[in-house]
Protein backbone atom coordinates (compact mmCIF):
# COMPACT_ATOMS: atom_id res chain seq x y z
CA MET A 1 19.70 15.50 -32.95
CA ARG A 2 19.96 19.03 -31.70
CA LEU A 3 17.09 20.08 -29.48
CA THR A 4 15.92 22.70 -31.97
CA GLN A 5 15.75 20.07 -34.74
CA ILE A 6 13.36 17.74 -32.91
CA THR A 7 9.77 17.88 -34.16
CA ALA A 8 6.50 16.41 -32.91
CA ALA A 9 6.75 13.81 -35.70
CA ASP A 10 10.13 12.70 -34.33
CA ILE A 11 8.65 12.28 -30.87
CA HIS A 12 5.70 10.27 -32.22
CA GLU A 13 8.18 8.00 -34.02
CA TYR A 14 10.19 7.62 -30.82
CA VAL A 15 7.06 6.70 -28.83
CA ALA A 16 6.09 4.08 -31.42
CA CYS A 17 9.57 2.57 -31.25
CA ARG A 18 9.56 2.41 -27.45
CA LYS A 19 6.17 0.72 -27.49
CA THR A 20 6.62 -1.82 -30.29
CA LYS A 21 10.36 -2.52 -30.37
CA ASP A 22 11.34 -1.96 -26.74
CA LYS A 23 8.01 -3.28 -25.37
CA LEU A 24 7.74 -0.54 -22.74
CA GLN A 25 4.54 -0.09 -20.77
CA ASN A 26 2.47 3.01 -21.47
CA ARG A 27 3.23 4.45 -18.05
CA SER A 28 7.01 4.21 -18.64
CA ILE A 29 6.66 5.97 -22.00
CA ASN A 30 4.50 8.68 -20.40
CA LEU A 31 7.22 9.31 -17.83
CA GLU A 32 9.71 9.81 -20.65
CA LEU A 33 7.33 12.24 -22.36
CA THR A 34 7.02 14.19 -19.13
CA LEU A 35 10.79 14.41 -18.87
CA LEU A 36 11.07 15.53 -22.49
CA ARG A 37 8.50 18.30 -21.98
CA SER A 38 10.41 19.48 -18.93
CA LEU A 39 13.67 19.56 -20.87
CA PHE A 40 12.12 21.67 -23.61
CA ARG A 41 10.59 24.06 -21.07
CA HIS A 42 13.97 24.53 -19.45
CA ALA A 43 15.59 25.08 -22.86
CA ILE A 44 13.00 27.74 -23.70
CA GLU A 45 13.59 29.49 -20.36
CA CYS A 46 17.33 29.51 -21.06
CA GLY A 47 16.88 30.80 -24.61
CA PHE A 48 18.08 27.64 -26.36
CA ALA A 49 14.72 26.73 -27.92
CA ALA A 50 11.69 28.61 -29.18
CA GLU A 51 8.97 25.98 -28.89
CA ASN A 52 8.09 22.75 -27.10
CA PRO A 53 7.10 20.08 -29.67
CA ALA A 54 6.57 17.53 -26.89
CA THR A 55 3.38 19.35 -25.84
CA ALA A 56 1.81 18.26 -29.14
CA VAL A 57 2.27 14.59 -28.23
CA LYS A 58 -0.42 13.27 -25.92
CA ASN A 59 0.24 10.73 -23.19
CA LEU A 60 -0.71 7.15 -23.92
CA LYS A 61 -3.71 5.74 -22.13
CA GLU A 62 -2.72 3.89 -18.99
CA GLN A 63 -4.74 0.88 -17.94
CA THR A 64 -4.49 0.40 -14.21
CA GLU A 65 -4.49 -3.29 -13.42
CA GLU A 66 -6.62 -4.19 -10.43
CA LYS A 67 -4.40 -5.37 -7.61
CA TRP A 68 -5.24 -8.62 -5.94
CA CYS A 69 -5.62 -8.52 -2.19
CA PRO A 70 -6.24 -11.49 0.12
CA SER A 71 -9.27 -11.66 2.32
CA VAL A 72 -8.80 -11.86 6.08
CA ASP A 73 -9.32 -15.64 5.99
CA GLU A 74 -6.79 -16.00 3.17
CA PHE A 75 -4.20 -13.94 5.00
CA LEU A 76 -4.68 -15.98 8.18
CA ARG A 77 -4.32 -19.17 6.17
CA PHE A 78 -1.07 -17.86 4.74
CA VAL A 79 0.26 -17.06 8.23
CA GLU A 80 -0.62 -20.56 9.43
CA GLU A 81 1.42 -22.05 6.58
CA ALA A 82 4.27 -19.64 7.34
CA LYS A 83 4.41 -21.12 10.85
CA LYS A 84 5.41 -24.46 9.30
CA THR A 85 8.46 -23.12 7.46
CA GLY A 86 12.09 -23.20 8.54
CA SER A 87 12.15 -19.42 9.03
CA ALA A 88 8.92 -19.29 11.03
CA ILE A 89 10.52 -17.84 14.18
CA VAL A 90 11.23 -14.56 12.35
CA LEU A 91 8.95 -14.83 9.33
CA VAL A 92 5.69 -14.90 11.29
CA PRO A 93 6.27 -11.80 13.47
CA TRP A 94 7.57 -10.03 10.34
CA LEU A 95 4.33 -10.83 8.50
CA TRP A 96 2.26 -9.49 11.38
CA PHE A 97 4.42 -6.36 11.52
CA ARG A 98 3.90 -5.77 7.80
CA ALA A 99 0.16 -6.40 8.00
CA TYR A 100 -0.33 -3.96 10.89
CA THR A 101 1.96 -1.19 9.64
CA GLY A 102 1.81 -1.23 5.84
CA THR A 103 5.58 -0.76 5.67
CA ARG A 104 7.48 -1.46 2.48
CA PRO A 105 9.54 -4.70 2.56
CA LYS A 106 12.88 -2.89 2.77
CA GLU A 107 11.64 -0.43 5.39
CA SER A 108 10.51 -3.24 7.66
CA VAL A 109 13.83 -5.07 7.80
CA PHE A 110 15.69 -1.84 8.67
CA VAL A 111 13.59 -1.27 11.80
CA GLU A 112 15.55 -1.53 15.07
CA TRP A 113 14.19 -1.98 18.56
CA LYS A 114 15.18 1.59 19.39
CA ASP A 115 12.70 2.64 16.69
CA VAL A 116 9.82 0.90 18.50
CA ASP A 117 8.61 3.07 21.37
CA PHE A 118 6.11 1.12 23.44
CA GLU A 119 5.56 4.06 25.81
CA THR A 120 4.46 6.55 23.16
CA GLY A 121 2.93 3.84 21.01
CA LEU A 122 4.89 4.86 17.92
CA ILE A 123 7.15 3.12 15.43
CA ASN A 124 9.75 5.38 13.84
CA ILE A 125 10.58 4.58 10.23
CA ARG A 126 13.88 6.39 9.81
CA ARG A 127 16.18 7.05 6.89
CA LYS A 128 19.26 4.87 7.29
CA SER A 129 22.30 3.91 5.28
CA GLY A 130 21.00 1.47 2.70
CA ASN A 131 17.39 2.53 3.19
CA GLN A 132 16.63 5.99 1.86
CA LEU A 133 12.95 6.73 2.43
CA LYS A 134 10.79 7.88 -0.45
CA ASN A 135 9.49 11.45 -0.82
CA ASN A 136 12.77 12.77 0.68
CA ALA A 137 11.48 12.03 4.17
CA SER A 138 13.93 11.58 7.03
CA VAL A 139 11.43 9.90 9.35
CA ARG A 140 7.77 9.02 9.60
CA TYR A 141 5.72 7.70 12.49
CA ILE A 142 3.30 4.79 12.57
CA GLY A 143 1.08 4.16 15.56
CA ILE A 144 1.43 0.72 17.14
CA HIS A 145 -1.90 -1.01 16.55
CA PRO A 146 -3.44 -2.38 19.78
CA GLU A 147 -3.38 -5.88 18.30
CA LEU A 148 0.23 -5.55 17.16
CA LYS A 149 1.61 -4.46 20.53
CA PRO A 150 1.32 -7.87 22.29
CA ILE A 151 2.74 -9.55 19.19
CA LEU A 152 5.79 -7.28 19.28
CA LEU A 153 6.24 -7.66 23.05
CA GLU A 154 6.13 -11.45 22.72
CA TRP A 155 8.59 -11.30 19.84
CA LYS A 156 10.89 -9.02 21.88
CA THR A 157 10.97 -11.66 24.64
CA LYS A 158 11.82 -14.44 22.16
CA TRP A 159 14.37 -12.17 20.49
CA ASP A 160 16.16 -11.68 23.82
CA GLU A 161 16.06 -15.42 24.52
CA VAL A 162 17.58 -16.22 21.12
CA PHE A 163 20.57 -13.96 21.69
CA ALA A 164 20.97 -14.96 25.33
CA LYS A 165 21.36 -18.57 24.20
CA ARG A 166 23.66 -17.53 21.39
CA HIS A 167 25.86 -15.65 23.86
CA GLU A 168 26.23 -18.84 25.89
CA ARG A 169 27.54 -20.60 22.78
CA HIS A 170 29.62 -17.64 21.63
CA PRO A 171 30.77 -15.78 24.76
CA ASP A 172 33.26 -13.78 22.69
CA GLU A 173 30.37 -12.10 20.85
CA PRO A 174 28.41 -9.15 22.26
CA ARG A 175 25.25 -10.21 24.06
CA ARG A 176 23.33 -8.12 21.53
CA PRO A 177 25.27 -8.25 18.24
CA HIS A 178 22.79 -5.84 16.66
CA ASP A 179 19.46 -4.14 17.29
CA TRP A 180 17.58 -5.23 14.15
CA VAL A 181 14.02 -6.32 14.99
CA PHE A 182 14.10 -8.90 12.21
CA PHE A 183 17.31 -10.91 11.82
CA ASN A 184 18.41 -13.61 9.44
CA PRO A 185 17.08 -16.82 11.07
CA HIS A 186 19.97 -18.82 9.57
CA ASN A 187 22.67 -16.31 10.50
CA GLN A 188 21.42 -14.46 13.53
CA VAL A 189 24.12 -11.78 13.56
CA GLU A 190 22.86 -10.46 10.22
CA ARG A 191 19.84 -8.30 9.47
CA ALA A 192 17.10 -10.08 7.57
CA THR A 193 16.91 -9.20 3.88
CA SER A 194 14.12 -11.40 2.58
CA PHE A 195 12.32 -14.65 3.25
CA THR A 196 11.88 -15.56 -0.40
CA LYS A 197 12.16 -19.35 -0.21
CA CYS A 198 9.94 -19.79 2.86
CA PHE A 199 7.54 -17.09 1.68
CA TYR A 200 6.93 -18.93 -1.59
CA GLN A 201 6.69 -22.22 0.27
CA ALA A 202 3.90 -20.82 2.48
CA ARG A 203 2.24 -19.22 -0.53
CA GLU A 204 2.09 -22.51 -2.40
CA ALA A 205 0.85 -24.43 0.64
CA ALA A 206 -1.87 -21.83 1.26
CA GLY A 207 -2.98 -21.92 -2.38
CA LEU A 208 -2.37 -18.19 -2.89
CA PRO A 209 -0.25 -17.92 -6.06
CA LYS A 210 -0.64 -14.11 -6.28
CA MET A 211 0.68 -13.50 -2.77
CA THR A 212 3.88 -11.42 -2.76
CA SER A 213 5.86 -9.58 -0.13
CA HIS A 214 4.33 -6.31 -1.28
CA THR A 215 0.84 -7.79 -0.93
CA THR A 216 1.02 -7.34 2.85
CA ARG A 217 1.32 -3.57 2.30
CA HIS A 218 -1.68 -3.67 -0.04
CA TYR A 219 -3.53 -5.76 2.55
CA PHE A 220 -2.95 -3.13 5.24
CA ILE A 221 -4.07 -0.26 3.02
CA THR A 222 -7.17 -2.11 1.81
CA GLN A 223 -8.19 -3.07 5.35
CA ALA A 224 -7.61 0.52 6.51
CA MET A 225 -9.73 1.92 3.67
CA MET A 226 -12.55 -0.45 4.55
CA SER A 227 -12.40 0.44 8.25
CA LYS A 228 -15.00 2.89 9.51
CA ASP A 229 -13.91 6.49 10.04
CA VAL A 230 -10.24 5.97 9.07
CA LYS A 231 -9.28 9.03 7.00
CA GLU A 232 -7.40 8.61 3.73
CA TYR A 233 -4.89 11.29 4.68
CA ALA A 234 -4.06 9.29 7.84
CA ILE A 235 -3.54 6.13 5.77
CA ALA A 236 -1.24 8.09 3.45
CA LYS A 237 0.80 9.25 6.47
CA PHE A 238 1.05 5.69 7.81
CA VAL A 239 2.42 4.25 4.57
CA GLY A 240 4.68 7.15 3.59
CA HIS A 241 2.75 8.80 0.77
CA SER A 242 2.89 12.57 0.38
CA GLY A 243 -0.83 12.74 -0.42
CA THR A 244 -3.93 10.62 -0.97
CA LYS A 245 -3.74 10.53 -4.78
CA MET A 246 -1.72 7.31 -4.83
CA ILE A 247 -4.06 5.73 -2.28
CA GLU A 248 -7.07 6.51 -4.46
CA ARG A 249 -5.48 5.57 -7.80
CA VAL A 250 -3.48 2.47 -6.94
CA TYR A 251 -5.08 1.11 -3.78
CA GLY A 252 -8.64 2.27 -4.43
CA HIS A 253 -9.71 -1.32 -5.07
CA VAL A 254 -11.76 -2.72 -2.21
CA ARG A 255 -13.48 -6.07 -1.92
CA SER A 256 -16.88 -6.70 -3.47
CA GLU A 257 -18.49 -7.59 -0.15
CA PHE A 258 -17.48 -4.20 1.23
CA LEU A 259 -18.98 -2.46 -1.80
CA GLN A 260 -22.19 -4.41 -1.30
CA GLU A 261 -22.26 -3.39 2.36
CA GLN A 262 -21.68 0.24 1.42
CA MET A 263 -24.48 0.11 -1.15
CA GLY A 264 -26.80 -1.17 1.55
CA MET A 265 -26.08 1.98 3.54
CA VAL A 266 -27.13 4.29 0.69
CA ARG A 267 -30.54 5.84 1.40
CA ILE A 268 -32.59 6.56 -1.71
CA VAL A 269 -36.13 6.96 -0.35
CA GLY A 270 -35.71 5.56 3.16
CA LYS A 271 -37.14 2.31 4.56
CA ASN A 272 -39.43 1.38 7.41
CA GLY A 273 -38.95 -1.54 9.75
CA ASP A 274 -40.46 -3.97 7.23
CA GLY A 275 -38.09 -2.94 4.48
CA VAL A 276 -40.87 -1.21 2.56
CA ALA A 277 -40.29 2.27 1.24
CA GLU A 278 -41.98 4.82 3.46
CA ALA A 279 -44.55 7.18 2.02
CA GLN A 280 -43.10 10.60 1.48
CA PRO A 281 -45.20 13.42 3.01
CA GLN A 282 -46.81 15.72 0.45
CA SER A 283 -48.51 19.05 0.75
CA PRO A 284 -52.25 18.57 0.11
CA ALA A 285 -53.77 20.25 -2.92
CA PRO A 286 -56.60 22.75 -2.43
CA ALA A 287 -59.66 21.12 -0.83
CA GLU A 288 -61.80 21.10 -3.97
CA LYS A 289 -59.02 19.31 -5.90
CA ALA A 290 -57.55 17.13 -3.16
CA LEU A 291 -55.97 13.89 -4.34
CA PRO A 292 -55.16 10.77 -2.27
CA VAL A 293 -51.53 10.52 -1.16
CA THR A 294 -49.81 7.64 -2.96
CA ALA A 295 -46.93 5.67 -1.45
CA ALA A 296 -43.57 6.43 -3.09
CA SER A 297 -43.13 2.79 -4.02
CA ASP A 298 -46.41 2.82 -6.01
CA LYS A 299 -45.57 5.85 -8.17
């Protein structure tokens, strides 16, 4: 159909088809509606259309599914099971790296040792061939968590030992065939791509069927949001978001025990040492009409 022939009824019919026949999620359909509105606006600006029928079609309601996130004990249990897998030598430090940086799976395996600056305490997540960062960023910086630093230093030592031994077996190869922090444990000259088989093996052994590679990013963000005085804009910078909207909308879920703790910090009338609401001071009425002061909890 020509752009000028499309009506709001046509768009409604299209939306119904995408939802029932093509089984698209509401969010995907809403993205198409946004694109369609933009096309009509551009056509109007260029003089090819007089109206925008897509504005008469409302977005479908999106139901945000609550993301599952492991507790600290569950994550530690998962790491312990990961230590028993055939890829443990690389898998375990990779899991700790993900948990302490919130990096996306692909970003993490493209990190090189030259990107890890122990002196400044920064990890540089750079745009590289095969790994174009989101939001058109060329680089972002993540601080090395104090607990992650010894883990990385220990891994760096093991990393050097692995390739020193390999060089003894293959003297024709360079002593350092690459600089990737995480290599393929079954073909050490290659960069790691995924640990799917061992990851699922550890997940099953730990009894965590919802655990995925992306869960470690969610784990970092959730832990950061529940940490005292950590600003949302800082979390957004760590994980490569342009603002805090995504943090609030997608990762706003925090654990029930944290919500209970936060509720306990809310002061409604104040409490004394015995946990009894304190009497609130009141200005006395004129002497001839003075009334006894009543505790707030008795009103």
